[in-house]
Amino acid sequence: MTAGLGWIITRQGESLSFSGIMKQVHSPLMGEALAMRSSFLKCKELGIRQIKCESDSRLLINSINNGNSLPQLYGVVADILCFWTGFDSISLGWILI
């Protein structure tokens, strides 16, 4: 299955939209995790040191915050946790939509 990924980075009152396509994505949850990983990479590339990341996936947010993911998300969550050391501050939150 192919997934379209999208995320928005807001800094200094300006919103920047990004998107991408990933192949071999087997669930919406994996698509959400891949989008979050991509957003962390883009923030690093842009030199953004403080991140507040929001997602409507409570399961993904809890997996990252608790450092224990579902087996299907292990590699992506591990990547996200590795990226944390490159930022001054990170806040993850679940949003109800």
N, C-alpha and C. Protein backbone atom coordinates (compact mmCIF):
# COMPACT_ATOMS: atom_id res chain seq x y z
N MET A 1 0.84 -1.17 0.00
CA MET A 1 0.00 0.00 0.00
C MET A 1 0.90 1.25 0.00
N THR A 2 0.52 2.25 -0.73
CA THR A 2 1.24 3.51 -0.78
C THR A 2 0.54 4.52 0.13
N ALA A 3 1.31 5.31 0.85
CA ALA A 3 0.75 6.31 1.77
C ALA A 3 1.25 7.70 1.40
N GLY A 4 0.34 8.64 1.46
CA GLY A 4 0.72 10.04 1.33
C GLY A 4 0.98 10.60 2.72
N LEU A 5 2.12 11.22 2.90
CA LEU A 5 2.49 11.79 4.19
C LEU A 5 2.41 13.30 4.10
N GLY A 6 2.02 13.93 5.19
CA GLY A 6 1.99 15.38 5.22
C GLY A 6 2.20 15.90 6.62
N TRP A 7 2.85 17.06 6.71
CA TRP A 7 3.05 17.70 8.01
C TRP A 7 3.25 19.18 7.79
N ILE A 8 3.00 19.93 8.84
CA ILE A 8 3.14 21.39 8.80
C ILE A 8 4.10 21.79 9.91
N ILE A 9 5.04 22.65 9.55
CA ILE A 9 5.97 23.20 10.54
C ILE A 9 5.67 24.69 10.63
N THR A 10 5.42 25.15 11.85
CA THR A 10 5.15 26.57 12.08
C THR A 10 6.29 27.14 12.90
N ARG A 11 6.87 28.22 12.38
CA ARG A 11 7.92 28.92 13.13
C ARG A 11 7.84 30.40 12.81
N GLN A 12 7.98 31.19 13.84
CA GLN A 12 7.95 32.64 13.73
C GLN A 12 6.71 33.11 12.96
N GLY A 13 5.56 32.47 13.25
CA GLY A 13 4.30 32.86 12.65
C GLY A 13 4.11 32.42 11.21
N GLU A 14 5.06 31.70 10.65
CA GLU A 14 4.97 31.24 9.27
C GLU A 14 4.74 29.73 9.25
N SER A 15 3.77 29.28 8.46
CA SER A 15 3.50 27.85 8.33
C SER A 15 4.08 27.33 7.03
N LEU A 16 4.84 26.25 7.15
CA LEU A 16 5.45 25.59 6.00
C LEU A 16 4.84 24.20 5.87
N SER A 17 4.30 23.87 4.71
CA SER A 17 3.67 22.57 4.48
C SER A 17 4.63 21.67 3.71
N PHE A 18 4.67 20.40 4.12
CA PHE A 18 5.52 19.42 3.48
C PHE A 18 4.72 18.15 3.22
N SER A 19 5.14 17.40 2.22
CA SER A 19 4.46 16.14 1.92
C SER A 19 5.44 15.17 1.29
N GLY A 20 5.05 13.93 1.26
CA GLY A 20 5.85 12.90 0.64
C GLY A 20 5.02 11.66 0.40
N ILE A 21 5.57 10.74 -0.34
CA ILE A 21 4.90 9.47 -0.62
C ILE A 21 5.84 8.34 -0.21
N MET A 22 5.28 7.36 0.46
CA MET A 22 6.05 6.19 0.88
C MET A 22 5.34 4.94 0.37
N LYS A 23 6.11 4.01 -0.13
CA LYS A 23 5.55 2.73 -0.58
C LYS A 23 5.73 1.69 0.52
N GLN A 24 4.96 0.65 0.43
CA GLN A 24 5.01 -0.48 1.37
C GLN A 24 4.64 -0.06 2.80
N VAL A 25 3.65 0.80 2.92
CA VAL A 25 3.14 1.21 4.24
C VAL A 25 1.92 0.34 4.51
N HIS A 26 1.96 -0.43 5.59
CA HIS A 26 0.95 -1.45 5.81
C HIS A 26 -0.20 -1.05 6.73
N SER A 27 -0.16 0.17 7.27
CA SER A 27 -1.27 0.59 8.13
C SER A 27 -1.29 2.11 8.24
N PRO A 28 -2.45 2.68 8.55
CA PRO A 28 -2.51 4.12 8.79
C PRO A 28 -1.61 4.56 9.95
N LEU A 29 -1.50 3.70 10.96
CA LEU A 29 -0.63 4.01 12.11
C LEU A 29 0.83 4.13 11.66
N MET A 30 1.27 3.24 10.79
CA MET A 30 2.63 3.32 10.28
C MET A 30 2.80 4.59 9.45
N GLY A 31 1.79 4.96 8.67
CA GLY A 31 1.86 6.20 7.90
C GLY A 31 2.01 7.41 8.80
N GLU A 32 1.29 7.42 9.90
CA GLU A 32 1.39 8.51 10.88
C GLU A 32 2.79 8.57 11.49
N ALA A 33 3.34 7.40 11.82
CA ALA A 33 4.68 7.35 12.40
C ALA A 33 5.74 7.82 11.40
N LEU A 34 5.60 7.42 10.15
CA LEU A 34 6.55 7.85 9.13
C LEU A 34 6.47 9.35 8.89
N ALA A 35 5.27 9.91 8.93
CA ALA A 35 5.12 11.37 8.79
C ALA A 35 5.81 12.09 9.94
N MET A 36 5.66 11.56 11.16
CA MET A 36 6.30 12.19 12.31
C MET A 36 7.82 12.11 12.18
N ARG A 37 8.32 10.95 11.77
CA ARG A 37 9.76 10.82 11.58
C ARG A 37 10.26 11.81 10.52
N SER A 38 9.53 11.95 9.45
CA SER A 38 9.90 12.90 8.39
C SER A 38 9.89 14.33 8.91
N SER A 39 8.93 14.66 9.76
CA SER A 39 8.87 16.02 10.31
C SER A 39 10.07 16.31 11.21
N PHE A 40 10.51 15.31 11.97
CA PHE A 40 11.70 15.49 12.82
C PHE A 40 12.94 15.72 11.95
N LEU A 41 13.05 14.95 10.87
CA LEU A 41 14.19 15.13 9.97
C LEU A 41 14.18 16.51 9.33
N LYS A 42 13.00 16.99 8.94
CA LYS A 42 12.89 18.31 8.31
C LYS A 42 13.23 19.40 9.32
N CYS A 43 12.79 19.26 10.55
CA CYS A 43 13.13 20.25 11.58
C CYS A 43 14.64 20.30 11.79
N LYS A 44 15.26 19.15 11.82
CA LYS A 44 16.71 19.09 11.97
C LYS A 44 17.39 19.79 10.79
N GLU A 45 16.90 19.53 9.59
CA GLU A 45 17.45 20.14 8.38
C GLU A 45 17.30 21.66 8.40
N LEU A 46 16.18 22.15 8.95
CA LEU A 46 15.91 23.59 9.01
C LEU A 46 16.57 24.28 10.21
N GLY A 47 17.21 23.49 11.06
CA GLY A 47 17.88 24.07 12.23
C GLY A 47 16.94 24.42 13.37
N ILE A 48 15.76 23.84 13.37
CA ILE A 48 14.80 24.08 14.45
C ILE A 48 15.21 23.22 15.65
N ARG A 49 15.37 23.86 16.80
CA ARG A 49 15.90 23.16 17.98
C ARG A 49 14.83 22.83 19.02
N GLN A 50 13.66 23.48 18.93
CA GLN A 50 12.57 23.21 19.87
C GLN A 50 11.35 22.76 19.08
N ILE A 51 10.78 21.64 19.48
CA ILE A 51 9.67 21.05 18.74
C ILE A 51 8.49 20.79 19.67
N LYS A 52 7.32 21.15 19.16
CA LYS A 52 6.06 20.72 19.78
C LYS A 52 5.32 19.97 18.68
N CYS A 53 5.17 18.68 18.85
CA CYS A 53 4.58 17.83 17.84
C CYS A 53 3.23 17.32 18.34
N GLU A 54 2.21 17.45 17.49
CA GLU A 54 0.88 17.01 17.85
C GLU A 54 0.39 15.99 16.83
N SER A 55 -0.33 14.99 17.31
CA SER A 55 -0.86 13.94 16.45
C SER A 55 -2.22 13.51 16.97
N ASP A 56 -3.06 13.03 16.06
CA ASP A 56 -4.35 12.49 16.49
C ASP A 56 -4.25 10.99 16.80
N SER A 57 -3.04 10.45 16.77
CA SER A 57 -2.83 9.04 17.09
C SER A 57 -2.32 8.91 18.53
N ARG A 58 -3.23 8.64 19.43
CA ARG A 58 -2.85 8.47 20.84
C ARG A 58 -1.88 7.31 21.00
N LEU A 59 -2.09 6.23 20.24
CA LEU A 59 -1.22 5.06 20.33
C LEU A 59 0.21 5.41 19.94
N LEU A 60 0.40 6.20 18.89
CA LEU A 60 1.74 6.60 18.47
C LEU A 60 2.39 7.50 19.52
N ILE A 61 1.67 8.50 20.00
CA ILE A 61 2.22 9.42 21.01
C ILE A 61 2.62 8.65 22.26
N ASN A 62 1.75 7.76 22.71
CA ASN A 62 2.08 6.97 23.92
C ASN A 62 3.29 6.06 23.68
N SER A 63 3.38 5.47 22.49
CA SER A 63 4.52 4.60 22.18
C SER A 63 5.83 5.38 22.27
N ILE A 64 5.84 6.58 21.73
CA ILE A 64 7.06 7.39 21.74
C ILE A 64 7.35 7.89 23.15
N ASN A 65 6.34 8.45 23.82
CA ASN A 65 6.55 8.99 25.17
C ASN A 65 6.99 7.92 26.15
N ASN A 66 6.48 6.70 26.00
CA ASN A 66 6.83 5.62 26.93
C ASN A 66 8.05 4.82 26.47
N GLY A 67 8.49 5.05 25.24
CA GLY A 67 9.67 4.34 24.74
C GLY A 67 9.44 2.88 24.45
N ASN A 68 8.18 2.48 24.34
CA ASN A 68 7.88 1.09 24.00
C ASN A 68 6.83 1.06 22.90
N SER A 69 7.20 0.53 21.77
CA SER A 69 6.28 0.58 20.64
C SER A 69 5.76 -0.80 20.30
N LEU A 70 4.73 -0.79 19.50
CA LEU A 70 4.23 -2.04 18.93
C LEU A 70 5.30 -2.60 18.01
N PRO A 71 5.37 -3.91 17.87
CA PRO A 71 6.39 -4.50 17.00
C PRO A 71 6.41 -3.91 15.60
N GLN A 72 5.24 -3.61 15.03
CA GLN A 72 5.19 -3.07 13.66
C GLN A 72 5.78 -1.66 13.56
N LEU A 73 5.88 -0.95 14.67
CA LEU A 73 6.40 0.42 14.66
C LEU A 73 7.80 0.53 15.23
N TYR A 74 8.38 -0.58 15.66
CA TYR A 74 9.62 -0.53 16.42
C TYR A 74 10.71 0.30 15.75
N GLY A 75 11.01 0.04 14.49
CA GLY A 75 12.10 0.74 13.82
C GLY A 75 11.86 2.23 13.69
N VAL A 76 10.64 2.61 13.36
CA VAL A 76 10.32 4.04 13.18
C VAL A 76 10.35 4.76 14.53
N VAL A 77 9.77 4.16 15.55
CA VAL A 77 9.80 4.78 16.88
C VAL A 77 11.24 4.86 17.39
N ALA A 78 12.04 3.84 17.15
CA ALA A 78 13.45 3.88 17.56
C ALA A 78 14.18 5.03 16.85
N ASP A 79 13.89 5.23 15.57
CA ASP A 79 14.48 6.36 14.83
C ASP A 79 14.10 7.69 15.48
N ILE A 80 12.82 7.85 15.77
CA ILE A 80 12.34 9.10 16.38
C ILE A 80 13.04 9.34 17.71
N LEU A 81 13.14 8.32 18.53
CA LEU A 81 13.81 8.47 19.83
C LEU A 81 15.29 8.82 19.67
N CYS A 82 15.93 8.29 18.65
CA CYS A 82 17.34 8.63 18.39
C CYS A 82 17.50 10.09 17.99
N PHE A 83 16.52 10.63 17.29
CA PHE A 83 16.59 12.03 16.85
C PHE A 83 16.48 13.00 18.03
N TRP A 84 15.90 12.57 19.15
CA TRP A 84 15.66 13.46 20.27
C TRP A 84 16.92 14.16 20.75
N THR A 85 18.04 13.48 20.67
CA THR A 85 19.27 14.05 21.20
C THR A 85 19.72 15.29 20.43
N GLY A 86 19.23 15.48 19.22
CA GLY A 86 19.62 16.63 18.41
C GLY A 86 18.79 17.88 18.66
N PHE A 87 17.85 17.83 19.60
CA PHE A 87 16.98 18.97 19.86
C PHE A 87 17.10 19.44 21.30
N ASP A 88 16.85 20.72 21.50
CA ASP A 88 16.91 21.29 22.86
C ASP A 88 15.69 20.89 23.67
N SER A 89 14.53 20.85 23.01
CA SER A 89 13.30 20.51 23.72
C SER A 89 12.30 19.92 22.76
N ILE A 90 11.61 18.87 23.23
CA ILE A 90 10.59 18.20 22.42
C ILE A 90 9.38 17.95 23.31
N SER A 91 8.22 18.30 22.78
CA SER A 91 6.97 18.04 23.45
C SER A 91 6.06 17.32 22.47
N LEU A 92 5.52 16.19 22.89
CA LEU A 92 4.58 15.45 22.06
C LEU A 92 3.21 15.47 22.71
N GLY A 93 2.18 15.69 21.92
CA GLY A 93 0.85 15.74 22.47
C GLY A 93 -0.18 15.10 21.55
N TRP A 94 -1.20 14.53 22.17
CA TRP A 94 -2.31 13.94 21.44
C TRP A 94 -3.39 14.98 21.31
N ILE A 95 -3.94 15.08 20.11
CA ILE A 95 -5.04 16.02 19.88
C ILE A 95 -6.27 15.25 19.42
N LEU A 96 -7.40 15.63 19.90
CA LEU A 96 -8.66 15.03 19.50
C LEU A 96 -9.19 15.80 18.31
N ILE A 97 -9.45 15.08 17.23
CA ILE A 97 -10.03 15.78 16.06
C ILE A 97 -11.42 15.28 15.77
